Amino acid sequence: MYTRNVNLKLKAAAFIALAFLAVPFASFAQSPSGLTVTDIADSSIVVLSQEDTGMPGYAHTKYAYNCFGEMKLVDYYGSAFDPKNKDVLQFESVMCSRQQNNDYDGSSD
């Protein structure tokens, strides 16, 4: 019984750590001055700032995207990416849909 609880806790901790590292974190702070949701075209990302982290290939990027008419601000730490890359845009679209539907587990009923 004790081993089972320890294994379950380790698996849960590993999942949380992986989710924490893999998902960009949405920042719901006030929008930058002058930027509105109408300034962001559908299926596009507007990079607000990008800073070098001191680690090769990694950056601190702040960007915004249009999620069903609502501007989402993202404060992302991770590997550098091209905001016009189709895979990046598709990922943001999926995350937006999941947030809109409150469906983070990816299950389909």
PDB file of N, CA and C in Angstrom:
ATOM      1  N   MET A   1       0.829  -1.184   0.000  1.00  0.00           N
ATOM      2  CA  MET A   1       0.000   0.000   0.000  1.00  0.00           C
ATOM      3  C   MET A   1       0.878   1.254   0.000  1.00  0.00           C
ATOM      4  N   TYR A   2       1.922   1.258   0.829  1.00  0.00           N
ATOM      5  CA  TYR A   2       2.811   2.413   0.921  1.00  0.00           C
ATOM      6  C   TYR A   2       3.510   2.657  -0.417  1.00  0.00           C
ATOM      7  N   THR A   3       3.983   1.594  -1.070  1.00  0.00           N
ATOM      8  CA  THR A   3       4.674   1.714  -2.348  1.00  0.00           C
ATOM      9  C   THR A   3       3.733   2.262  -3.417  1.00  0.00           C
ATOM     10  N   ARG A   4       2.503   1.825  -3.382  1.00  0.00           N
ATOM     11  CA  ARG A   4       1.526   2.295  -4.361  1.00  0.00           C
ATOM     12  C   ARG A   4       1.295   3.804  -4.216  1.00  0.00           C
ATOM     13  N   ASN A   5       1.175   4.299  -2.990  1.00  0.00           N
ATOM     14  CA  ASN A   5       0.972   5.727  -2.764  1.00  0.00           C
ATOM     15  C   ASN A   5       2.183   6.541  -3.214  1.00  0.00           C
ATOM     16  N   VAL A   6       3.383   6.031  -2.951  1.00  0.00           N
ATOM     17  CA  VAL A   6       4.606   6.724  -3.346  1.00  0.00           C
ATOM     18  C   VAL A   6       4.693   6.794  -4.863  1.00  0.00           C
ATOM     19  N   ASN A   7       4.398   5.671  -5.548  1.00  0.00           N
ATOM     20  CA  ASN A   7       4.435   5.663  -7.017  1.00  0.00           C
ATOM     21  C   ASN A   7       3.416   6.632  -7.601  1.00  0.00           C
ATOM     22  N   LEU A   8       2.237   6.669  -7.031  1.00  0.00           N
ATOM     23  CA  LEU A   8       1.201   7.574  -7.507  1.00  0.00           C
ATOM     24  C   LEU A   8       1.625   9.033  -7.324  1.00  0.00           C
ATOM     25  N   LYS A   9       2.226   9.331  -6.178  1.00  0.00           N
ATOM     26  CA  LYS A   9       2.689  10.698  -5.916  1.00  0.00           C
ATOM     27  C   LYS A   9       3.817  11.080  -6.869  1.00  0.00           C
ATOM     28  N   LEU A  10       4.724  10.148  -7.149  1.00  0.00           N
ATOM     29  CA  LEU A  10       5.822  10.427  -8.074  1.00  0.00           C
ATOM     30  C   LEU A  10       5.291  10.673  -9.486  1.00  0.00           C
ATOM     31  N   LYS A  11       4.333   9.870  -9.905  1.00  0.00           N
ATOM     32  CA  LYS A  11       3.752  10.053 -11.230  1.00  0.00           C
ATOM     33  C   LYS A  11       3.030  11.396 -11.322  1.00  0.00           C
ATOM     34  N   ALA A  12       2.292  11.746 -10.284  1.00  0.00           N
ATOM     35  CA  ALA A  12       1.579  13.022 -10.278  1.00  0.00           C
ATOM     36  C   ALA A  12       2.567  14.183 -10.309  1.00  0.00           C
ATOM     37  N   ALA A  13       3.634  14.095  -9.537  1.00  0.00           N
ATOM     38  CA  ALA A  13       4.638  15.157  -9.508  1.00  0.00           C
ATOM     39  C   ALA A  13       5.323  15.289 -10.874  1.00  0.00           C
ATOM     40  N   ALA A  14       5.624  14.165 -11.509  1.00  0.00           N
ATOM     41  CA  ALA A  14       6.256  14.197 -12.828  1.00  0.00           C
ATOM     42  C   ALA A  14       5.319  14.823 -13.858  1.00  0.00           C
ATOM     43  N   PHE A  15       4.040  14.464 -13.803  1.00  0.00           N
ATOM     44  CA  PHE A  15       3.066  15.034 -14.738  1.00  0.00           C
ATOM     45  C   PHE A  15       2.938  16.541 -14.547  1.00  0.00           C
ATOM     46  N   ILE A  16       2.853  16.978 -13.313  1.00  0.00           N
ATOM     47  CA  ILE A  16       2.728  18.408 -13.028  1.00  0.00           C
ATOM     48  C   ILE A  16       3.966  19.159 -13.505  1.00  0.00           C
ATOM     49  N   ALA A  17       5.147  18.597 -13.261  1.00  0.00           N
ATOM     50  CA  ALA A  17       6.388  19.239 -13.703  1.00  0.00           C
ATOM     51  C   ALA A  17       6.438  19.334 -15.225  1.00  0.00           C
ATOM     52  N   LEU A  18       6.040  18.263 -15.902  1.00  0.00           N
ATOM     53  CA  LEU A  18       6.037  18.265 -17.367  1.00  0.00           C
ATOM     54  C   LEU A  18       5.041  19.287 -17.907  1.00  0.00           C
ATOM     55  N   ALA A  19       3.851  19.319 -17.345  1.00  0.00           N
ATOM     56  CA  ALA A  19       2.842  20.276 -17.784  1.00  0.00           C
ATOM     57  C   ALA A  19       3.315  21.709 -17.528  1.00  0.00           C
ATOM     58  N   PHE A  20       3.989  21.911 -16.414  1.00  0.00           N
ATOM     59  CA  PHE A  20       4.487  23.234 -16.047  1.00  0.00           C
ATOM     60  C   PHE A  20       5.529  23.720 -17.047  1.00  0.00           C
ATOM     61  N   LEU A  21       6.348  22.807 -17.548  1.00  0.00           N
ATOM     62  CA  LEU A  21       7.405  23.186 -18.481  1.00  0.00           C
ATOM     63  C   LEU A  21       6.924  23.267 -19.924  1.00  0.00           C
ATOM     64  N   ALA A  22       5.896  22.499 -20.271  1.00  0.00           N
ATOM     65  CA  ALA A  22       5.503  22.389 -21.672  1.00  0.00           C
ATOM     66  C   ALA A  22       4.489  23.424 -22.123  1.00  0.00           C
ATOM     67  N   VAL A  23       3.740  23.979 -21.221  1.00  0.00           N
ATOM     68  CA  VAL A  23       2.650  24.875 -21.600  1.00  0.00           C
ATOM     69  C   VAL A  23       3.038  26.322 -21.317  1.00  0.00           C
ATOM     70  N   PRO A  24       2.923  27.177 -22.312  1.00  0.00           N
ATOM     71  CA  PRO A  24       3.168  28.590 -22.018  1.00  0.00           C
ATOM     72  C   PRO A  24       2.119  29.106 -21.056  1.00  0.00           C
ATOM     73  N   PHE A  25       2.531  30.033 -20.243  1.00  0.00           N
ATOM     74  CA  PHE A  25       1.635  30.540 -19.205  1.00  0.00           C
ATOM     75  C   PHE A  25       0.966  31.812 -19.676  1.00  0.00           C
ATOM     76  N   ALA A  26      -0.341  31.813 -19.613  1.00  0.00           N
ATOM     77  CA  ALA A  26      -1.093  32.996 -20.003  1.00  0.00           C
ATOM     78  C   ALA A  26      -1.023  34.015 -18.882  1.00  0.00           C
ATOM     79  N   SER A  27      -0.741  35.207 -19.261  1.00  0.00           N
ATOM     80  CA  SER A  27      -0.721  36.297 -18.309  1.00  0.00           C
ATOM     81  C   SER A  27      -1.937  37.164 -18.581  1.00  0.00           C
ATOM     82  N   PHE A  28      -2.772  37.312 -17.587  1.00  0.00           N
ATOM     83  CA  PHE A  28      -3.995  38.070 -17.765  1.00  0.00           C
ATOM     84  C   PHE A  28      -3.833  39.489 -17.230  1.00  0.00           C
ATOM     85  N   ALA A  29      -2.630  40.019 -17.347  1.00  0.00           N
ATOM     86  CA  ALA A  29      -2.353  41.385 -16.916  1.00  0.00           C
ATOM     87  C   ALA A  29      -2.996  42.356 -17.899  1.00  0.00           C
ATOM     88  N   GLN A  30      -2.923  43.615 -17.572  1.00  0.00           N
ATOM     89  CA  GLN A  30      -3.474  44.626 -18.463  1.00  0.00           C
ATOM     90  C   GLN A  30      -2.722  44.606 -19.784  1.00  0.00           C
ATOM     91  N   SER A  31      -3.438  44.915 -20.835  1.00  0.00           N
ATOM     92  CA  SER A  31      -2.812  44.907 -22.149  1.00  0.00           C
ATOM     93  C   SER A  31      -1.829  46.063 -22.277  1.00  0.00           C
ATOM     94  N   PRO A  32      -0.818  45.878 -23.121  1.00  0.00           N
ATOM     95  CA  PRO A  32       0.136  46.958 -23.349  1.00  0.00           C
ATOM     96  C   PRO A  32      -0.586  48.181 -23.913  1.00  0.00           C
ATOM     97  N   SER A  33      -0.064  49.325 -23.645  1.00  0.00           N
ATOM     98  CA  SER A  33      -0.745  50.559 -24.053  1.00  0.00           C
ATOM     99  C   SER A  33      -0.980  50.570 -25.557  1.00  0.00           C
ATOM    100  N   GLY A  34      -2.225  50.849 -25.911  1.00  0.00           N
ATOM    101  CA  GLY A  34      -2.573  51.013 -27.311  1.00  0.00           C
ATOM    102  C   GLY A  34      -2.919  49.734 -28.055  1.00  0.00           C
ATOM    103  N   LEU A  35      -2.597  48.549 -27.547  1.00  0.00           N
ATOM    104  CA  LEU A  35      -2.870  47.312 -28.262  1.00  0.00           C
ATOM    105  C   LEU A  35      -4.259  46.810 -27.899  1.00  0.00           C
ATOM    106  N   THR A  36      -5.063  46.548 -28.916  1.00  0.00           N
ATOM    107  CA  THR A  36      -6.395  45.988 -28.702  1.00  0.00           C
ATOM    108  C   THR A  36      -6.537  44.715 -29.513  1.00  0.00           C
ATOM    109  N   VAL A  37      -7.607  43.980 -29.250  1.00  0.00           N
ATOM    110  CA  VAL A  37      -7.821  42.718 -29.950  1.00  0.00           C
ATOM    111  C   VAL A  37      -7.994  42.939 -31.449  1.00  0.00           C
ATOM    112  N   THR A  38      -8.476  44.106 -31.850  1.00  0.00           N
ATOM    113  CA  THR A  38      -8.646  44.379 -33.279  1.00  0.00           C
ATOM    114  C   THR A  38      -7.311  44.585 -33.988  1.00  0.00           C
ATOM    115  N   ASP A  39      -6.246  44.803 -33.229  1.00  0.00           N
ATOM    116  CA  ASP A  39      -4.911  44.949 -33.818  1.00  0.00           C
ATOM    117  C   ASP A  39      -4.283  43.610 -34.162  1.00  0.00           C
ATOM    118  N   ILE A  40      -4.902  42.530 -33.721  1.00  0.00           N
ATOM    119  CA  ILE A  40      -4.345  41.201 -33.922  1.00  0.00           C
ATOM    120  C   ILE A  40      -5.212  40.458 -34.930  1.00  0.00           C
ATOM    121  N   ALA A  41      -4.627  40.087 -36.062  1.00  0.00           N
ATOM    122  CA  ALA A  41      -5.362  39.340 -37.080  1.00  0.00           C
ATOM    123  C   ALA A  41      -5.672  37.933 -36.559  1.00  0.00           C
ATOM    124  N   ASP A  42      -6.773  37.357 -37.058  1.00  0.00           N
ATOM    125  CA  ASP A  42      -7.103  35.981 -36.692  1.00  0.00           C
ATOM    126  C   ASP A  42      -5.956  35.060 -37.089  1.00  0.00           C
ATOM    127  N   SER A  43      -5.717  34.061 -36.280  1.00  0.00           N
ATOM    128  CA  SER A  43      -4.669  33.060 -36.525  1.00  0.00           C
ATOM    129  C   SER A  43      -3.297  33.698 -36.681  1.00  0.00           C
ATOM    130  N   SER A  44      -3.002  34.660 -35.820  1.00  0.00           N
ATOM    131  CA  SER A  44      -1.670  35.247 -35.833  1.00  0.00           C
ATOM    132  C   SER A  44      -1.251  35.611 -34.417  1.00  0.00           C
ATOM    133  N   ILE A  45       0.055  35.768 -34.262  1.00  0.00           N
ATOM    134  CA  ILE A  45       0.661  36.124 -32.979  1.00  0.00           C
ATOM    135  C   ILE A  45       1.366  37.457 -33.161  1.00  0.00           C
ATOM    136  N   VAL A  46       1.173  38.358 -32.197  1.00  0.00           N
ATOM    137  CA  VAL A  46       1.886  39.627 -32.188  1.00  0.00           C
ATOM    138  C   VAL A  46       2.911  39.565 -31.063  1.00  0.00           C
ATOM    139  N   VAL A  47       4.188  39.587 -31.426  1.00  0.00           N
ATOM    140  CA  VAL A  47       5.256  39.539 -30.427  1.00  0.00           C
ATOM    141  C   VAL A  47       5.416  40.926 -29.840  1.00  0.00           C
ATOM    142  N   LEU A  48       5.284  41.007 -28.529  1.00  0.00           N
ATOM    143  CA  LEU A  48       5.400  42.287 -27.830  1.00  0.00           C
ATOM    144  C   LEU A  48       6.836  42.563 -27.416  1.00  0.00           C
ATOM    145  N   SER A  49       7.541  41.509 -26.988  1.00  0.00           N
ATOM    146  CA  SER A  49       8.956  41.661 -26.630  1.00  0.00           C
ATOM    147  C   SER A  49       9.611  40.287 -26.641  1.00  0.00           C
ATOM    148  N   GLN A  50      10.912  40.302 -26.861  1.00  0.00           N
ATOM    149  CA  GLN A  50      11.684  39.060 -26.833  1.00  0.00           C
ATOM    150  C   GLN A  50      13.068  39.382 -26.284  1.00  0.00           C
ATOM    151  N   GLU A  51      13.437  38.653 -25.233  1.00  0.00           N
ATOM    152  CA  GLU A  51      14.729  38.865 -24.589  1.00  0.00           C
ATOM    153  C   GLU A  51      15.522  37.570 -24.582  1.00  0.00           C
ATOM    154  N   ASP A  52      16.815  37.700 -24.699  1.00  0.00           N
ATOM    155  CA  ASP A  52      17.707  36.548 -24.595  1.00  0.00           C
ATOM    156  C   ASP A  52      17.803  36.135 -23.133  1.00  0.00           C
ATOM    157  N   THR A  53      17.786  34.832 -22.865  1.00  0.00           N
ATOM    158  CA  THR A  53      17.854  34.340 -21.489  1.00  0.00           C
ATOM    159  C   THR A  53      19.271  34.025 -21.055  1.00  0.00           C
ATOM    160  N   GLY A  54      20.219  34.099 -21.966  1.00  0.00           N
ATOM    161  CA  GLY A  54      21.589  33.729 -21.634  1.00  0.00           C
ATOM    162  C   GLY A  54      21.877  32.264 -21.937  1.00  0.00           C
ATOM    163  N   MET A  55      20.846  31.504 -22.232  1.00  0.00           N
ATOM    164  CA  MET A  55      21.007  30.101 -22.619  1.00  0.00           C
ATOM    165  C   MET A  55      20.788  30.006 -24.126  1.00  0.00           C
ATOM    166  N   PRO A  56      21.711  29.408 -24.852  1.00  0.00           N
ATOM    167  CA  PRO A  56      21.567  29.321 -26.310  1.00  0.00           C
ATOM    168  C   PRO A  56      20.258  28.628 -26.712  1.00  0.00           C
ATOM    169  N   GLY A  57      19.531  29.282 -27.607  1.00  0.00           N
ATOM    170  CA  GLY A  57      18.297  28.693 -28.117  1.00  0.00           C
ATOM    171  C   GLY A  57      17.064  28.976 -27.291  1.00  0.00           C
ATOM    172  N   TYR A  58      17.203  29.618 -26.141  1.00  0.00           N
ATOM    173  CA  TYR A  58      16.064  29.902 -25.270  1.00  0.00           C
ATOM    174  C   TYR A  58      15.833  31.402 -25.170  1.00  0.00           C
ATOM    175  N   ALA A  59      14.556  31.766 -25.030  1.00  0.00           N
ATOM    176  CA  ALA A  59      14.207  33.184 -24.984  1.00  0.00           C
ATOM    177  C   ALA A  59      13.051  33.405 -24.022  1.00  0.00           C
ATOM    178  N   HIS A  60      12.911  34.642 -23.609  1.00  0.00           N
ATOM    179  CA  HIS A  60      11.757  35.091 -22.835  1.00  0.00           C
ATOM    180  C   HIS A  60      10.954  35.954 -23.791  1.00  0.00           C
ATOM    181  N   THR A  61       9.794  35.446 -24.194  1.00  0.00           N
ATOM    182  CA  THR A  61       8.975  36.122 -25.196  1.00  0.00           C
ATOM    183  C   THR A  61       7.620  36.462 -24.604  1.00  0.00           C
ATOM    184  N   LYS A  62       7.190  37.688 -24.826  1.00  0.00           N
ATOM    185  CA  LYS A  62       5.835  38.099 -24.454  1.00  0.00           C
ATOM    186  C   LYS A  62       5.088  38.347 -25.755  1.00  0.00           C
ATOM    187  N   TYR A  63       3.940  37.690 -25.887  1.00  0.00           N
ATOM    188  CA  TYR A  63       3.172  37.864 -27.110  1.00  0.00           C
ATOM    189  C   TYR A  63       1.679  37.846 -26.828  1.00  0.00           C
ATOM    190  N   ALA A  64       0.913  38.281 -27.822  1.00  0.00           N
ATOM    191  CA  ALA A  64      -0.539  38.328 -27.717  1.00  0.00           C
ATOM    192  C   ALA A  64      -1.136  37.617 -28.921  1.00  0.00           C
ATOM    193  N   TYR A  65      -2.320  37.046 -28.716  1.00  0.00           N
ATOM    194  CA  TYR A  65      -3.064  36.463 -29.826  1.00  0.00           C
ATOM    195  C   TYR A  65      -4.557  36.633 -29.584  1.00  0.00           C
ATOM    196  N   ASN A  66      -5.309  36.543 -30.665  1.00  0.00           N
ATOM    197  CA  ASN A  66      -6.748  36.744 -30.640  1.00  0.00           C
ATOM    198  C   ASN A  66      -7.421  35.389 -30.412  1.00  0.00           C
ATOM    199  N   CYS A  67      -8.108  35.278 -29.291  1.00  0.00           N
ATOM    200  CA  CYS A  67      -8.795  34.028 -28.943  1.00  0.00           C
ATOM    201  C   CYS A  67     -10.296  34.295 -28.906  1.00  0.00           C
ATOM    202  N   PHE A  68     -10.960  34.023 -30.018  1.00  0.00           N
ATOM    203  CA  PHE A  68     -12.400  34.229 -30.133  1.00  0.00           C
ATOM    204  C   PHE A  68     -12.807  35.641 -29.707  1.00  0.00           C
ATOM    205  N   GLY A  69     -12.073  36.626 -30.196  1.00  0.00           N
ATOM    206  CA  GLY A  69     -12.396  38.015 -29.925  1.00  0.00           C
ATOM    207  C   GLY A  69     -11.860  38.550 -28.610  1.00  0.00           C
ATOM    208  N   GLU A  70     -11.114  37.748 -27.887  1.00  0.00           N
ATOM    209  CA  GLU A  70     -10.518  38.179 -26.625  1.00  0.00           C
ATOM    210  C   GLU A  70      -9.001  38.116 -26.760  1.00  0.00           C
ATOM    211  N   MET A  71      -8.327  39.196 -26.365  1.00  0.00           N
ATOM    212  CA  MET A  71      -6.879  39.219 -26.459  1.00  0.00           C
ATOM    213  C   MET A  71      -6.275  38.427 -25.299  1.00  0.00           C
ATOM    214  N   LYS A  72      -5.426  37.459 -25.631  1.00  0.00           N
ATOM    215  CA  LYS A  72      -4.709  36.678 -24.628  1.00  0.00           C
ATOM    216  C   LYS A  72      -3.256  37.099 -24.640  1.00  0.00           C
ATOM    217  N   LEU A  73      -2.734  37.416 -23.465  1.00  0.00           N
ATOM    218  CA  LEU A  73      -1.325  37.762 -23.322  1.00  0.00           C
ATOM    219  C   LEU A  73      -0.592  36.561 -22.765  1.00  0.00           C
ATOM    220  N   VAL A  74       0.549  36.244 -23.366  1.00  0.00           N
ATOM    221  CA  VAL A  74       1.341  35.088 -22.957  1.00  0.00           C
ATOM    222  C   VAL A  74       2.742  35.541 -22.599  1.00  0.00           C
ATOM    223  N   ASP A  75       3.215  35.077 -21.461  1.00  0.00           N
ATOM    224  CA  ASP A  75       4.577  35.334 -20.990  1.00  0.00           C
ATOM    225  C   ASP A  75       5.296  33.994 -21.052  1.00  0.00           C
ATOM    226  N   TYR A  76       6.079  33.777 -22.109  1.00  0.00           N
ATOM    227  CA  TYR A  76       6.644  32.467 -22.437  1.00  0.00           C
ATOM    228  C   TYR A  76       8.150  32.436 -22.206  1.00  0.00           C
ATOM    229  N   TYR A  77       8.604  31.448 -21.466  1.00  0.00           N
ATOM    230  CA  TYR A  77      10.030  31.157 -21.301  1.00  0.00           C
ATOM    231  C   TYR A  77      10.265  29.798 -21.926  1.00  0.00           C
ATOM    232  N   GLY A  78      11.135  29.721 -22.918  1.00  0.00           N
ATOM    233  CA  GLY A  78      11.403  28.428 -23.535  1.00  0.00           C
ATOM    234  C   GLY A  78      12.197  28.594 -24.806  1.00  0.00           C
ATOM    235  N   SER A  79      12.172  27.544 -25.620  1.00  0.00           N
ATOM    236  CA  SER A  79      12.937  27.578 -26.854  1.00  0.00           C
ATOM    237  C   SER A  79      12.369  28.646 -27.777  1.00  0.00           C
ATOM    238  N   ALA A  80      13.263  29.281 -28.498  1.00  0.00           N
ATOM    239  CA  ALA A  80      12.848  30.332 -29.420  1.00  0.00           C
ATOM    240  C   ALA A  80      11.948  29.730 -30.498  1.00  0.00           C
ATOM    241  N   PHE A  81      10.977  30.514 -30.972  1.00  0.00           N
ATOM    242  CA  PHE A  81      10.053  30.020 -31.989  1.00  0.00           C
ATOM    243  C   PHE A  81       9.746  31.117 -32.988  1.00  0.00           C
ATOM    244  N   ASP A  82       9.276  30.687 -34.145  1.00  0.00           N
ATOM    245  CA  ASP A  82       8.862  31.618 -35.193  1.00  0.00           C
ATOM    246  C   ASP A  82       7.357  31.828 -35.050  1.00  0.00           C
ATOM    247  N   PRO A  83       6.896  33.056 -34.762  1.00  0.00           N
ATOM    248  CA  PRO A  83       5.465  33.294 -34.558  1.00  0.00           C
ATOM    249  C   PRO A  83       4.616  33.085 -35.811  1.00  0.00           C
ATOM    250  N   LYS A  84       5.245  32.894 -36.967  1.00  0.00           N
ATOM    251  CA  LYS A  84       4.502  32.628 -38.200  1.00  0.00           C
ATOM    252  C   LYS A  84       4.493  31.142 -38.558  1.00  0.00           C
ATOM    253  N   ASN A  85       5.155  30.322 -37.732  1.00  0.00           N
ATOM    254  CA  ASN A  85       5.210  28.891 -37.970  1.00  0.00           C
ATOM    255  C   ASN A  85       3.810  28.291 -37.823  1.00  0.00           C
ATOM    256  N   LYS A  86       3.393  27.482 -38.789  1.00  0.00           N
ATOM    257  CA  LYS A  86       2.050  26.900 -38.778  1.00  0.00           C
ATOM    258  C   LYS A  86       1.803  26.028 -37.553  1.00  0.00           C
ATOM    259  N   ASP A  87       2.820  25.300 -37.090  1.00  0.00           N
ATOM    260  CA  ASP A  87       2.660  24.439 -35.914  1.00  0.00           C
ATOM    261  C   ASP A  87       2.424  25.270 -34.655  1.00  0.00           C
ATOM    262  N   VAL A  88       3.129  26.378 -34.528  1.00  0.00           N
ATOM    263  CA  VAL A  88       2.949  27.268 -33.372  1.00  0.00           C
ATOM    264  C   VAL A  88       1.548  27.858 -33.390  1.00  0.00           C
ATOM    265  N   LEU A  89       1.109  28.331 -34.554  1.00  0.00           N
ATOM    266  CA  LEU A  89      -0.221  28.911 -34.674  1.00  0.00           C
ATOM    267  C   LEU A  89      -1.305  27.872 -34.403  1.00  0.00           C
ATOM    268  N   GLN A  90      -1.087  26.643 -34.864  1.00  0.00           N
ATOM    269  CA  GLN A  90      -2.061  25.581 -34.621  1.00  0.00           C
ATOM    270  C   GLN A  90      -2.123  25.252 -33.123  1.00  0.00           C
ATOM    271  N   PHE A  91      -0.964  25.229 -32.458  1.00  0.00           N
ATOM    272  CA  PHE A  91      -0.938  24.971 -31.019  1.00  0.00           C
ATOM    273  C   PHE A  91      -1.736  26.031 -30.269  1.00  0.00           C
ATOM    274  N   GLU A  92      -1.516  27.298 -30.601  1.00  0.00           N
ATOM    275  CA  GLU A  92      -2.247  28.375 -29.938  1.00  0.00           C
ATOM    276  C   GLU A  92      -3.744  28.275 -30.215  1.00  0.00           C
ATOM    277  N   SER A  93      -4.103  27.880 -31.422  1.00  0.00           N
ATOM    278  CA  SER A  93      -5.510  27.717 -31.767  1.00  0.00           C
ATOM    279  C   SER A  93      -6.153  26.603 -30.936  1.00  0.00           C
ATOM    280  N   VAL A  94      -5.445  25.498 -30.771  1.00  0.00           N
ATOM    281  CA  VAL A  94      -5.954  24.383 -29.958  1.00  0.00           C
ATOM    282  C   VAL A  94      -6.085  24.814 -28.503  1.00  0.00           C
ATOM    283  N   MET A  95      -5.060  25.501 -27.979  1.00  0.00           N
ATOM    284  CA  MET A  95      -5.128  25.964 -26.585  1.00  0.00           C
ATOM    285  C   MET A  95      -6.277  26.942 -26.393  1.00  0.00           C
ATOM    286  N   CYS A  96      -6.492  27.799 -27.363  1.00  0.00           N
ATOM    287  CA  CYS A  96      -7.583  28.759 -27.293  1.00  0.00           C
ATOM    288  C   CYS A  96      -8.923  28.031 -27.260  1.00  0.00           C
ATOM    289  N   SER A  97      -9.091  27.055 -28.129  1.00  0.00           N
ATOM    290  CA  SER A  97     -10.334  26.277 -28.159  1.00  0.00           C
ATOM    291  C   SER A  97     -10.559  25.550 -26.849  1.00  0.00           C
ATOM    292  N   ARG A  98      -9.501  24.981 -26.303  1.00  0.00           N
ATOM    293  CA  ARG A  98      -9.630  24.258 -25.025  1.00  0.00           C
ATOM    294  C   ARG A  98      -9.998  25.208 -23.894  1.00  0.00           C
ATOM    295  N   GLN A  99      -9.386  26.384 -23.884  1.00  0.00           N
ATOM    296  CA  GLN A  99      -9.732  27.363 -22.850  1.00  0.00           C
ATOM    297  C   GLN A  99     -11.181  27.801 -22.998  1.00  0.00           C
ATOM    298  N   GLN A 100     -11.603  28.005 -24.242  1.00  0.00           N
ATOM    299  CA  GLN A 100     -12.968  28.441 -24.497  1.00  0.00           C
ATOM    300  C   GLN A 100     -13.973  27.371 -24.053  1.00  0.00           C
ATOM    301  N   ASN A 101     -13.629  26.118 -24.288  1.00  0.00           N
ATOM    302  CA  ASN A 101     -14.520  25.010 -23.935  1.00  0.00           C
ATOM    303  C   ASN A 101     -14.231  24.420 -22.578  1.00  0.00           C
ATOM    304  N   ASN A 102     -13.229  24.973 -21.888  1.00  0.00           N
ATOM    305  CA  ASN A 102     -12.818  24.478 -20.581  1.00  0.00           C
ATOM    306  C   ASN A 102     -12.479  22.997 -20.651  1.00  0.00           C
ATOM    307  N   ASP A 103     -11.731  22.620 -21.677  1.00  0.00           N
ATOM    308  CA  ASP A 103     -11.399  21.218 -21.955  1.00  0.00           C
ATOM    309  C   ASP A 103      -9.880  21.062 -22.016  1.00  0.00           C
ATOM    310  N   TYR A 104      -9.253  20.943 -20.857  1.00  0.00           N
ATOM    311  CA  TYR A 104      -7.793  20.848 -20.823  1.00  0.00           C
ATOM    312  C   TYR A 104      -7.277  19.420 -20.916  1.00  0.00           C
ATOM    313  N   ASP A 105      -8.140  18.424 -20.663  1.00  0.00           N
ATOM    314  CA  ASP A 105      -7.643  17.059 -20.662  1.00  0.00           C
ATOM    315  C   ASP A 105      -7.595  16.456 -22.066  1.00  0.00           C
ATOM    316  N   GLY A 106      -8.191  17.106 -23.049  1.00  0.00           N
ATOM    317  CA  GLY A 106      -8.122  16.625 -24.418  1.00  0.00           C
ATOM    318  C   GLY A 106      -9.074  15.489 -24.703  1.00  0.00           C
ATOM    319  N   SER A 107      -9.932  15.125 -23.761  1.00  0.00           N
ATOM    320  CA  SER A 107     -10.853  14.030 -23.989  1.00  0.00           C
ATOM    321  C   SER A 107     -11.972  14.476 -24.908  1.00  0.00           C
ATOM    322  N   SER A 108     -12.466  13.534 -25.676  1.00  0.00           N
ATOM    323  CA  SER A 108     -13.608  13.834 -26.541  1.00  0.00           C
ATOM    324  C   SER A 108     -14.765  12.965 -26.113  1.00  0.00           C
ATOM    325  N   ASP A 109     -15.871  13.602 -25.818  1.00  0.00           N
ATOM    326  CA  ASP A 109     -17.053  12.860 -25.362  1.00  0.00           C
ATOM    327  C   ASP A 109     -17.948  12.485 -26.516  1.00  0.00           C
TER     328      ASP A 109
END
